[in-house]
Amino acid sequence: MKKIEAIVRPFRLDDVREALAEIGAKGMTISEVKGYGRQKGHTELYRGSEYQIDFLPKIKVEIVVADTMVEQVVDAIMKSARTGQVGDGKIFIFPVDDVIRVRTGESGESAL
């Protein structure tokens, strides 16, 4: 199993969710996060004063899938989150040793 974490633009969340639902990915966790990469923030004008915004709002999507679905999930996220501009986000893939469903005690892929 693998855990896939994707950092995407907030307005692309619905597209990502729909793309994952279309390929049959079950369940995900969403977090509102702030950060920067190559985009490096921006300046804003507020009441005549200029402010530097260092950390930009992003959405972190976390999903654990079977090894056989990793490529499909990554492709779905990439296609649905891409705008072609700096700041589209990143995808991280981690190995998952085990998962346990709290309600039933099931473990492994059957707990997904």
N, C-alpha and C. Protein backbone atom coordinates (compact mmCIF):
# COMPACT_ATOMS: atom_id res chain seq x y z
N MET A 1 0.83 -1.18 0.00
CA MET A 1 0.00 0.00 0.00
C MET A 1 0.88 1.24 0.00
N LYS A 2 0.31 2.33 -0.49
CA LYS A 2 1.03 3.60 -0.54
C LYS A 2 0.11 4.72 -0.05
N LYS A 3 0.73 5.70 0.59
CA LYS A 3 0.02 6.93 0.97
C LYS A 3 0.45 8.00 -0.02
N ILE A 4 -0.52 8.64 -0.64
CA ILE A 4 -0.25 9.70 -1.59
C ILE A 4 -0.71 11.01 -0.98
N GLU A 5 0.21 11.96 -0.87
CA GLU A 5 -0.11 13.30 -0.39
C GLU A 5 0.07 14.25 -1.56
N ALA A 6 -0.96 15.02 -1.85
CA ALA A 6 -0.89 15.99 -2.94
C ALA A 6 -1.20 17.37 -2.38
N ILE A 7 -0.35 18.32 -2.71
CA ILE A 7 -0.58 19.72 -2.35
C ILE A 7 -1.07 20.40 -3.62
N VAL A 8 -2.29 20.94 -3.57
CA VAL A 8 -2.91 21.52 -4.77
C VAL A 8 -3.49 22.90 -4.46
N ARG A 9 -3.82 23.62 -5.50
CA ARG A 9 -4.48 24.92 -5.34
C ARG A 9 -5.90 24.70 -4.82
N PRO A 10 -6.38 25.56 -3.93
CA PRO A 10 -7.72 25.37 -3.34
C PRO A 10 -8.85 25.27 -4.37
N PHE A 11 -8.79 26.06 -5.43
CA PHE A 11 -9.89 26.06 -6.39
C PHE A 11 -9.89 24.82 -7.28
N ARG A 12 -8.86 23.98 -7.19
CA ARG A 12 -8.80 22.74 -7.98
C ARG A 12 -9.29 21.53 -7.18
N LEU A 13 -9.66 21.72 -5.93
CA LEU A 13 -10.05 20.60 -5.07
C LEU A 13 -11.22 19.81 -5.62
N ASP A 14 -12.28 20.47 -6.06
CA ASP A 14 -13.44 19.75 -6.59
C ASP A 14 -13.08 18.91 -7.81
N ASP A 15 -12.23 19.45 -8.68
CA ASP A 15 -11.79 18.69 -9.86
C ASP A 15 -11.00 17.45 -9.45
N VAL A 16 -10.12 17.60 -8.45
CA VAL A 16 -9.33 16.48 -7.97
C VAL A 16 -10.24 15.42 -7.35
N ARG A 17 -11.17 15.84 -6.52
CA ARG A 17 -12.10 14.91 -5.86
C ARG A 17 -12.91 14.13 -6.90
N GLU A 18 -13.42 14.83 -7.90
CA GLU A 18 -14.21 14.17 -8.95
C GLU A 18 -13.35 13.19 -9.75
N ALA A 19 -12.12 13.57 -10.07
CA ALA A 19 -11.23 12.69 -10.83
C ALA A 19 -10.92 11.42 -10.04
N LEU A 20 -10.72 11.55 -8.73
CA LEU A 20 -10.44 10.38 -7.90
C LEU A 20 -11.68 9.49 -7.77
N ALA A 21 -12.86 10.09 -7.69
CA ALA A 21 -14.09 9.31 -7.61
C ALA A 21 -14.31 8.53 -8.91
N GLU A 22 -13.98 9.12 -10.04
CA GLU A 22 -14.16 8.46 -11.33
C GLU A 22 -13.32 7.19 -11.47
N ILE A 23 -12.14 7.17 -10.88
CA ILE A 23 -11.29 5.98 -11.00
C ILE A 23 -11.53 4.99 -9.86
N GLY A 24 -12.46 5.30 -8.97
CA GLY A 24 -12.82 4.38 -7.90
C GLY A 24 -11.99 4.46 -6.64
N ALA A 25 -11.25 5.56 -6.46
CA ALA A 25 -10.49 5.74 -5.23
C ALA A 25 -11.47 6.04 -4.09
N LYS A 26 -11.35 5.29 -2.99
CA LYS A 26 -12.29 5.43 -1.89
C LYS A 26 -11.65 6.21 -0.75
N GLY A 27 -12.34 7.23 -0.29
CA GLY A 27 -11.92 7.96 0.90
C GLY A 27 -10.68 8.80 0.72
N MET A 28 -10.66 9.92 1.37
CA MET A 28 -9.49 10.80 1.36
C MET A 28 -9.61 11.75 2.54
N THR A 29 -8.51 12.35 2.90
CA THR A 29 -8.49 13.36 3.95
C THR A 29 -8.00 14.66 3.33
N ILE A 30 -8.67 15.74 3.67
CA ILE A 30 -8.34 17.06 3.13
C ILE A 30 -7.94 17.98 4.28
N SER A 31 -6.87 18.74 4.09
CA SER A 31 -6.43 19.72 5.09
C SER A 31 -6.14 21.04 4.39
N GLU A 32 -6.51 22.12 5.05
CA GLU A 32 -6.12 23.44 4.56
C GLU A 32 -4.74 23.72 5.12
N VAL A 33 -3.79 24.00 4.24
CA VAL A 33 -2.42 24.25 4.66
C VAL A 33 -1.92 25.54 4.02
N LYS A 34 -0.78 26.00 4.48
CA LYS A 34 -0.14 27.17 3.89
C LYS A 34 1.32 26.83 3.64
N GLY A 35 1.88 27.38 2.58
CA GLY A 35 3.27 27.11 2.29
C GLY A 35 3.71 27.82 1.03
N TYR A 36 4.94 27.53 0.62
CA TYR A 36 5.44 28.07 -0.63
C TYR A 36 6.54 27.18 -1.16
N GLY A 37 6.75 27.25 -2.44
CA GLY A 37 7.83 26.55 -3.11
C GLY A 37 8.49 27.54 -4.04
N ARG A 38 8.52 27.23 -5.30
CA ARG A 38 9.10 28.15 -6.28
C ARG A 38 8.25 29.40 -6.45
N GLN A 39 6.98 29.31 -6.09
CA GLN A 39 6.07 30.44 -6.24
C GLN A 39 6.49 31.61 -5.34
N LYS A 40 7.01 31.30 -4.16
CA LYS A 40 7.59 32.26 -3.21
C LYS A 40 6.67 33.37 -2.73
N GLY A 41 5.38 33.16 -2.69
CA GLY A 41 4.48 34.18 -2.17
C GLY A 41 4.27 35.33 -3.14
N HIS A 42 3.66 36.40 -2.63
CA HIS A 42 3.41 37.57 -3.46
C HIS A 42 3.14 38.78 -2.56
N THR A 43 3.06 39.95 -3.17
CA THR A 43 2.74 41.16 -2.41
C THR A 43 1.30 41.56 -2.69
N GLU A 44 0.65 42.13 -1.68
CA GLU A 44 -0.71 42.61 -1.82
C GLU A 44 -0.78 44.04 -1.31
N LEU A 45 -1.71 44.78 -1.87
CA LEU A 45 -1.93 46.16 -1.47
C LEU A 45 -3.19 46.21 -0.61
N TYR A 46 -3.07 46.73 0.62
CA TYR A 46 -4.21 46.81 1.52
C TYR A 46 -4.21 48.18 2.17
N ARG A 47 -5.25 48.96 1.90
CA ARG A 47 -5.40 50.33 2.43
C ARG A 47 -4.17 51.18 2.17
N GLY A 48 -3.65 51.05 0.98
CA GLY A 48 -2.52 51.88 0.57
C GLY A 48 -1.16 51.37 1.00
N SER A 49 -1.11 50.30 1.77
CA SER A 49 0.18 49.74 2.20
C SER A 49 0.41 48.41 1.51
N GLU A 50 1.67 48.16 1.20
CA GLU A 50 2.04 46.92 0.55
C GLU A 50 2.45 45.88 1.59
N TYR A 51 1.93 44.65 1.47
CA TYR A 51 2.24 43.57 2.39
C TYR A 51 2.79 42.39 1.62
N GLN A 52 3.80 41.75 2.19
CA GLN A 52 4.38 40.54 1.59
C GLN A 52 3.66 39.33 2.17
N ILE A 53 3.05 38.53 1.32
CA ILE A 53 2.40 37.29 1.72
C ILE A 53 3.38 36.15 1.41
N ASP A 54 4.01 35.60 2.45
CA ASP A 54 5.03 34.56 2.26
C ASP A 54 4.42 33.17 2.09
N PHE A 55 3.39 32.86 2.85
CA PHE A 55 2.80 31.53 2.82
C PHE A 55 1.45 31.60 2.12
N LEU A 56 1.32 30.82 1.05
CA LEU A 56 0.10 30.83 0.24
C LEU A 56 -0.83 29.71 0.67
N PRO A 57 -2.15 29.95 0.62
CA PRO A 57 -3.09 28.90 0.99
C PRO A 57 -3.09 27.78 -0.05
N LYS A 58 -3.04 26.55 0.43
CA LYS A 58 -3.08 25.36 -0.42
C LYS A 58 -3.98 24.32 0.25
N ILE A 59 -4.26 23.25 -0.47
CA ILE A 59 -5.03 22.13 0.06
C ILE A 59 -4.15 20.89 0.00
N LYS A 60 -4.11 20.13 1.10
CA LYS A 60 -3.39 18.86 1.11
C LYS A 60 -4.41 17.73 1.06
N VAL A 61 -4.29 16.89 0.03
CA VAL A 61 -5.14 15.73 -0.14
C VAL A 61 -4.32 14.51 0.24
N GLU A 62 -4.82 13.70 1.16
CA GLU A 62 -4.13 12.48 1.57
C GLU A 62 -5.02 11.29 1.26
N ILE A 63 -4.43 10.28 0.63
CA ILE A 63 -5.19 9.09 0.27
C ILE A 63 -4.26 7.88 0.33
N VAL A 64 -4.77 6.78 0.89
CA VAL A 64 -4.00 5.53 0.95
C VAL A 64 -4.66 4.55 -0.02
N VAL A 65 -3.84 3.98 -0.91
CA VAL A 65 -4.37 3.08 -1.93
C VAL A 65 -3.49 1.84 -2.05
N ALA A 66 -4.05 0.82 -2.69
CA ALA A 66 -3.28 -0.39 -2.99
C ALA A 66 -2.20 -0.04 -4.00
N ASP A 67 -1.11 -0.80 -3.99
CA ASP A 67 0.00 -0.55 -4.91
C ASP A 67 -0.45 -0.51 -6.37
N THR A 68 -1.46 -1.29 -6.70
CA THR A 68 -1.92 -1.37 -8.09
C THR A 68 -2.63 -0.10 -8.56
N MET A 69 -3.08 0.74 -7.62
CA MET A 69 -3.81 1.96 -7.99
C MET A 69 -2.96 3.22 -7.97
N VAL A 70 -1.71 3.13 -7.54
CA VAL A 70 -0.88 4.33 -7.36
C VAL A 70 -0.77 5.14 -8.65
N GLU A 71 -0.45 4.49 -9.74
CA GLU A 71 -0.25 5.20 -11.00
C GLU A 71 -1.54 5.89 -11.45
N GLN A 72 -2.68 5.21 -11.32
CA GLN A 72 -3.96 5.80 -11.71
C GLN A 72 -4.28 7.03 -10.87
N VAL A 73 -4.05 6.93 -9.57
CA VAL A 73 -4.34 8.04 -8.66
C VAL A 73 -3.44 9.23 -8.97
N VAL A 74 -2.16 9.00 -9.15
CA VAL A 74 -1.22 10.08 -9.45
C VAL A 74 -1.60 10.75 -10.77
N ASP A 75 -1.92 9.97 -11.80
CA ASP A 75 -2.33 10.55 -13.09
C ASP A 75 -3.59 11.38 -12.95
N ALA A 76 -4.57 10.88 -12.19
CA ALA A 76 -5.82 11.62 -11.99
C ALA A 76 -5.57 12.95 -11.29
N ILE A 77 -4.72 12.94 -10.27
CA ILE A 77 -4.42 14.18 -9.55
C ILE A 77 -3.68 15.15 -10.46
N MET A 78 -2.68 14.65 -11.18
CA MET A 78 -1.91 15.53 -12.06
C MET A 78 -2.79 16.19 -13.12
N LYS A 79 -3.65 15.41 -13.76
CA LYS A 79 -4.50 15.95 -14.83
C LYS A 79 -5.52 16.94 -14.29
N SER A 80 -6.08 16.67 -13.12
CA SER A 80 -7.14 17.53 -12.59
C SER A 80 -6.61 18.76 -11.86
N ALA A 81 -5.38 18.72 -11.35
CA ALA A 81 -4.84 19.85 -10.57
C ALA A 81 -3.99 20.80 -11.41
N ARG A 82 -3.58 20.38 -12.59
CA ARG A 82 -2.65 21.17 -13.40
C ARG A 82 -3.32 22.39 -14.03
N THR A 83 -2.67 23.56 -13.85
CA THR A 83 -3.07 24.77 -14.56
C THR A 83 -1.99 25.20 -15.53
N GLY A 84 -0.78 24.66 -15.35
CA GLY A 84 0.34 25.01 -16.21
C GLY A 84 1.15 26.18 -15.69
N GLN A 85 0.82 26.67 -14.50
CA GLN A 85 1.53 27.81 -13.93
C GLN A 85 2.30 27.39 -12.69
N VAL A 86 3.29 28.20 -12.31
CA VAL A 86 4.05 27.94 -11.09
C VAL A 86 3.07 27.94 -9.92
N GLY A 87 3.22 26.96 -9.03
CA GLY A 87 2.35 26.89 -7.85
C GLY A 87 1.26 25.84 -7.96
N ASP A 88 1.31 25.00 -8.99
CA ASP A 88 0.30 23.95 -9.14
C ASP A 88 0.38 22.90 -8.04
N GLY A 89 1.53 22.72 -7.42
CA GLY A 89 1.62 21.82 -6.28
C GLY A 89 2.62 20.69 -6.48
N LYS A 90 2.56 19.73 -5.57
CA LYS A 90 3.46 18.59 -5.56
C LYS A 90 2.68 17.35 -5.15
N ILE A 91 3.22 16.18 -5.51
CA ILE A 91 2.66 14.91 -5.08
C ILE A 91 3.78 14.10 -4.43
N PHE A 92 3.51 13.59 -3.23
CA PHE A 92 4.48 12.78 -2.49
C PHE A 92 3.89 11.39 -2.32
N ILE A 93 4.72 10.35 -2.45
CA ILE A 93 4.27 8.97 -2.32
C ILE A 93 5.11 8.29 -1.24
N PHE A 94 4.41 7.70 -0.24
CA PHE A 94 5.07 7.05 0.88
C PHE A 94 4.62 5.60 0.99
N PRO A 95 5.50 4.69 1.42
CA PRO A 95 5.05 3.31 1.67
C PRO A 95 4.23 3.25 2.96
N VAL A 96 3.23 2.36 2.98
CA VAL A 96 2.40 2.15 4.16
C VAL A 96 2.54 0.68 4.55
N ASP A 97 3.00 0.43 5.76
CA ASP A 97 3.20 -0.94 6.22
C ASP A 97 1.88 -1.66 6.51
N ASP A 98 0.95 -0.95 7.15
CA ASP A 98 -0.31 -1.58 7.50
C ASP A 98 -1.34 -0.50 7.79
N VAL A 99 -2.60 -0.89 7.70
CA VAL A 99 -3.70 -0.02 8.07
C VAL A 99 -4.71 -0.87 8.81
N ILE A 100 -5.31 -0.30 9.84
CA ILE A 100 -6.27 -1.04 10.66
C ILE A 100 -7.55 -0.22 10.77
N ARG A 101 -8.66 -0.85 10.44
CA ARG A 101 -9.97 -0.19 10.59
C ARG A 101 -10.36 -0.30 12.06
N VAL A 102 -10.57 0.82 12.72
CA VAL A 102 -10.84 0.85 14.15
C VAL A 102 -12.14 0.12 14.49
N ARG A 103 -13.18 0.33 13.71
CA ARG A 103 -14.49 -0.24 14.02
C ARG A 103 -14.49 -1.77 14.03
N THR A 104 -13.83 -2.40 13.04
CA THR A 104 -13.91 -3.85 12.90
C THR A 104 -12.62 -4.59 13.24
N GLY A 105 -11.50 -3.89 13.28
CA GLY A 105 -10.23 -4.53 13.52
C GLY A 105 -9.60 -5.11 12.27
N GLU A 106 -10.26 -4.95 11.09
CA GLU A 106 -9.67 -5.42 9.84
C GLU A 106 -8.34 -4.74 9.61
N SER A 107 -7.43 -5.46 8.94
CA SER A 107 -6.16 -4.84 8.63
C SER A 107 -5.76 -5.12 7.18
N GLY A 108 -4.76 -4.40 6.71
CA GLY A 108 -4.30 -4.55 5.33
C GLY A 108 -5.24 -3.87 4.35
N GLU A 109 -5.18 -4.32 3.08
CA GLU A 109 -5.98 -3.69 2.03
C GLU A 109 -7.48 -3.80 2.26
N SER A 110 -7.92 -4.80 2.99
CA SER A 110 -9.37 -4.94 3.25
C SER A 110 -9.88 -3.82 4.17
N ALA A 111 -8.97 -3.15 4.89
CA ALA A 111 -9.35 -2.06 5.77
C ALA A 111 -9.48 -0.74 5.01
N LEU A 112 -9.01 -0.71 3.77
CA LEU A 112 -9.13 0.52 2.99
C LEU A 112 -10.57 0.70 2.57
